[in-house]
Amino acid sequence: MKKKMILPIVTYGADILRQIADPVEESTPRLQELISNMKATMINARGAGLAASQVNRPLQLFLIETDDYFGVFINPAIIWYSEDTNSDTEGCLSIPGISQSVTRSNSITIRWQDELFAGHEQTFHGETARAIQHEYDHTQGILYLDHLQPLQRTLLKNKLQTILRGGIKTPYPMLRL
């Protein structure tokens, strides 16, 4: 097997982060290598999750790793969101140096395929549900910033402009598109 590679993470402002990702086919070239490299990249960047679009691959694929769960999600669909919500601080590897309080459902039910294309449906709660919602949003071209109030987004304008100009340093490789 090839050595795992740390992939550069696409920065805020790239068009790919706003695209609805394409379904993953079993015939997708080098899929297992991509998953392996995404895991290495996520661990290297100390992230709780990573979507394929964040490594410049517009695919319905993401990984999450929380204290109680690690999973590869292919062709995911969240089919239920709980009405009870909570707010907690979120950040994003593609939007370095910024974190904000985001309100999300406490529980979700999701259908997906794993890396062997076996089908799953499961309900998740708490931190794992939050991480799944964040990464699932990436497959839909949505960023956590989109969940903020207009005033919150306005207050972040200068920081976001700094990211767009490439004026932020990260401990992991970034790709400006």
Protein backbone atom coordinates (compact mmCIF):
# COMPACT_ATOMS: atom_id res chain seq x y z
CA MET A 1 0.00 0.00 0.00
CA LYS A 2 1.17 3.51 -0.75
CA LYS A 3 2.40 5.74 2.04
CA LYS A 4 -0.28 8.00 3.48
CA MET A 5 -0.04 11.56 2.24
CA ILE A 6 -1.02 14.76 4.00
CA LEU A 7 -3.26 16.64 1.58
CA PRO A 8 -3.51 20.44 1.46
CA ILE A 9 -6.79 21.80 2.81
CA VAL A 10 -8.74 24.19 0.58
CA THR A 11 -9.15 27.66 2.10
CA TYR A 12 -12.27 29.74 2.54
CA GLY A 13 -13.28 31.47 -0.68
CA ALA A 14 -12.67 28.51 -2.98
CA ASP A 15 -15.62 27.71 -5.27
CA ILE A 16 -15.44 23.99 -4.46
CA LEU A 17 -16.53 24.70 -0.89
CA ARG A 18 -19.82 26.08 -2.26
CA GLN A 19 -20.56 23.20 -4.65
CA ILE A 20 -22.97 20.36 -3.99
CA ALA A 21 -20.70 17.32 -4.13
CA ASP A 22 -21.07 14.48 -6.61
CA PRO A 23 -22.12 10.99 -5.53
CA VAL A 24 -19.32 8.51 -4.96
CA GLU A 25 -19.34 5.38 -7.13
CA GLU A 26 -17.70 2.09 -6.22
CA SER A 27 -15.62 2.62 -9.37
CA THR A 28 -14.30 6.01 -8.16
CA PRO A 29 -10.55 5.84 -8.91
CA ARG A 30 -8.22 5.46 -5.92
CA LEU A 31 -11.06 5.89 -3.42
CA GLN A 32 -9.41 3.85 -0.65
CA GLU A 33 -6.20 5.86 -1.09
CA LEU A 34 -8.20 9.11 -0.84
CA ILE A 35 -9.90 7.93 2.36
CA SER A 36 -6.57 6.92 3.87
CA ASN A 37 -4.99 10.26 2.93
CA MET A 38 -8.01 12.17 4.26
CA LYS A 39 -7.70 10.39 7.60
CA ALA A 40 -3.98 11.21 7.79
CA THR A 41 -4.75 14.83 6.85
CA MET A 42 -7.51 15.15 9.46
CA ILE A 43 -5.28 13.72 12.19
CA ASN A 44 -2.35 15.94 11.17
CA ALA A 45 -4.58 19.05 11.26
CA ARG A 46 -6.15 17.97 14.58
CA GLY A 47 -9.64 18.16 13.10
CA ALA A 48 -12.80 16.42 14.25
CA GLY A 49 -13.83 15.86 10.65
CA LEU A 50 -12.87 16.39 7.04
CA ALA A 51 -14.94 16.46 3.85
CA ALA A 52 -13.59 15.51 0.44
CA SER A 53 -14.38 18.99 -0.89
CA GLN A 54 -11.94 20.37 1.68
CA VAL A 55 -9.15 18.46 -0.08
CA ASN A 56 -10.34 19.60 -3.52
CA ARG A 57 -12.41 16.52 -4.39
CA PRO A 58 -16.10 17.34 -4.98
CA LEU A 59 -17.38 14.02 -3.64
CA GLN A 60 -20.11 13.09 -1.16
CA LEU A 61 -17.57 11.76 1.31
CA PHE A 62 -16.48 12.81 4.78
CA LEU A 63 -14.78 11.43 7.86
CA ILE A 64 -15.42 12.27 11.47
CA GLU A 65 -13.57 11.39 14.64
CA THR A 66 -15.00 12.30 18.02
CA ASP A 67 -14.26 10.94 21.48
CA ASP A 68 -16.71 8.07 20.95
CA TYR A 69 -16.91 7.51 17.19
CA PHE A 70 -14.83 7.27 14.03
CA GLY A 71 -16.55 6.88 10.71
CA VAL A 72 -16.28 7.19 6.95
CA PHE A 73 -19.51 8.49 5.40
CA ILE A 74 -20.09 8.00 1.67
CA ASN A 75 -23.20 9.34 -0.10
CA PRO A 76 -24.73 10.50 3.20
CA ALA A 77 -28.27 11.76 3.70
CA ILE A 78 -29.49 13.18 6.99
CA ILE A 79 -33.10 11.99 7.17
CA TRP A 80 -34.11 13.39 10.57
CA TYR A 81 -33.09 16.35 12.73
CA SER A 82 -34.29 16.63 16.33
CA GLU A 83 -36.21 19.75 17.26
CA ASP A 84 -34.10 20.15 20.40
CA THR A 85 -30.95 22.10 19.66
CA ASN A 86 -27.91 23.44 21.39
CA SER A 87 -25.26 26.03 20.63
CA ASP A 88 -21.57 25.24 20.81
CA THR A 89 -18.36 26.62 19.38
CA GLU A 90 -17.34 25.34 15.95
CA GLY A 91 -14.37 25.94 13.76
CA CYS A 92 -13.41 24.66 10.34
CA LEU A 93 -10.05 23.60 8.91
CA SER A 94 -10.89 25.58 5.75
CA ILE A 95 -11.59 28.71 7.82
CA PRO A 96 -8.55 28.75 10.13
CA GLY A 97 -8.29 31.00 13.14
CA ILE A 98 -12.04 31.60 13.49
CA SER A 99 -14.54 29.85 15.73
CA GLN A 100 -18.11 30.81 16.48
CA SER A 101 -21.12 29.52 18.38
CA VAL A 102 -23.42 27.57 16.05
CA THR A 103 -26.86 26.17 16.87
CA ARG A 104 -27.49 22.62 15.64
CA SER A 105 -29.84 19.74 16.37
CA ASN A 106 -28.85 17.63 19.36
CA SER A 107 -29.67 14.42 17.47
CA ILE A 108 -29.81 13.35 13.84
CA THR A 109 -30.51 10.19 11.87
CA ILE A 110 -28.32 9.61 8.84
CA ARG A 111 -28.14 7.03 6.04
CA TRP A 112 -24.78 6.40 4.40
CA GLN A 113 -22.41 3.86 2.94
CA ASP A 114 -19.09 2.97 4.52
CA GLU A 115 -15.78 2.56 2.71
CA LEU A 116 -16.86 -0.96 1.60
CA PHE A 117 -20.19 0.47 0.32
CA ALA A 118 -22.21 -1.33 2.98
CA GLY A 119 -25.36 0.64 3.82
CA HIS A 120 -26.03 2.05 7.29
CA GLU A 121 -28.70 4.06 9.08
CA GLN A 122 -28.08 5.32 12.60
CA THR A 123 -29.12 8.01 15.02
CA PHE A 124 -26.32 10.06 16.59
CA HIS A 125 -26.40 12.49 19.50
CA GLY A 126 -24.29 15.26 21.02
CA GLU A 127 -20.77 15.92 19.80
CA THR A 128 -20.92 13.21 17.14
CA ALA A 129 -24.22 14.53 15.74
CA ARG A 130 -22.71 18.04 15.62
CA ALA A 131 -19.59 16.85 13.76
CA ILE A 132 -21.71 14.89 11.27
CA GLN A 133 -23.93 17.92 10.59
CA HIS A 134 -20.88 20.15 10.05
CA GLU A 135 -19.25 17.73 7.59
CA TYR A 136 -22.54 16.86 5.88
CA ASP A 137 -23.03 20.58 5.24
CA HIS A 138 -19.74 20.55 3.32
CA THR A 139 -21.19 17.95 0.91
CA GLN A 140 -24.07 20.40 0.31
CA GLY A 141 -21.89 23.47 -0.30
CA ILE A 142 -22.76 24.94 3.10
CA LEU A 143 -20.24 26.39 5.56
CA TYR A 144 -20.82 26.79 9.28
CA LEU A 145 -20.66 30.56 8.70
CA ASP A 146 -24.00 30.24 6.90
CA HIS A 147 -25.64 29.31 10.21
CA LEU A 148 -24.52 32.56 11.87
CA GLN A 149 -26.62 35.67 12.34
CA PRO A 150 -25.90 38.51 9.87
CA LEU A 151 -24.27 40.62 12.59
CA GLN A 152 -21.91 37.76 13.50
CA ARG A 153 -20.88 37.38 9.85
CA THR A 154 -20.34 41.15 9.54
CA LEU A 155 -18.06 41.13 12.58
CA LEU A 156 -15.95 38.38 10.93
CA LYS A 157 -15.50 40.26 7.64
CA ASN A 158 -11.92 41.43 8.32
CA LYS A 159 -10.79 37.99 9.49
CA LEU A 160 -12.35 36.36 6.43
CA GLN A 161 -10.63 38.90 4.15
CA THR A 162 -7.30 38.00 5.80
CA ILE A 163 -7.93 34.32 4.95
CA LEU A 164 -8.85 35.25 1.36
CA ARG A 165 -5.56 37.16 1.01
CA GLY A 166 -3.59 34.19 2.33
CA GLY A 167 -2.57 36.12 5.42
CA ILE A 168 -3.11 33.30 7.90
CA LYS A 169 -0.57 30.69 8.94
CA THR A 170 -1.64 27.16 9.80
CA PRO A 171 0.25 24.13 11.12
CA TYR A 172 -1.08 22.18 8.13
CA PRO A 173 -0.75 22.76 4.38
CA MET A 174 -3.40 24.99 2.79
CA LEU A 175 -4.50 25.32 -0.84
CA ARG A 176 -5.77 28.68 -2.07
CA LEU A 177 -7.89 28.33 -5.22
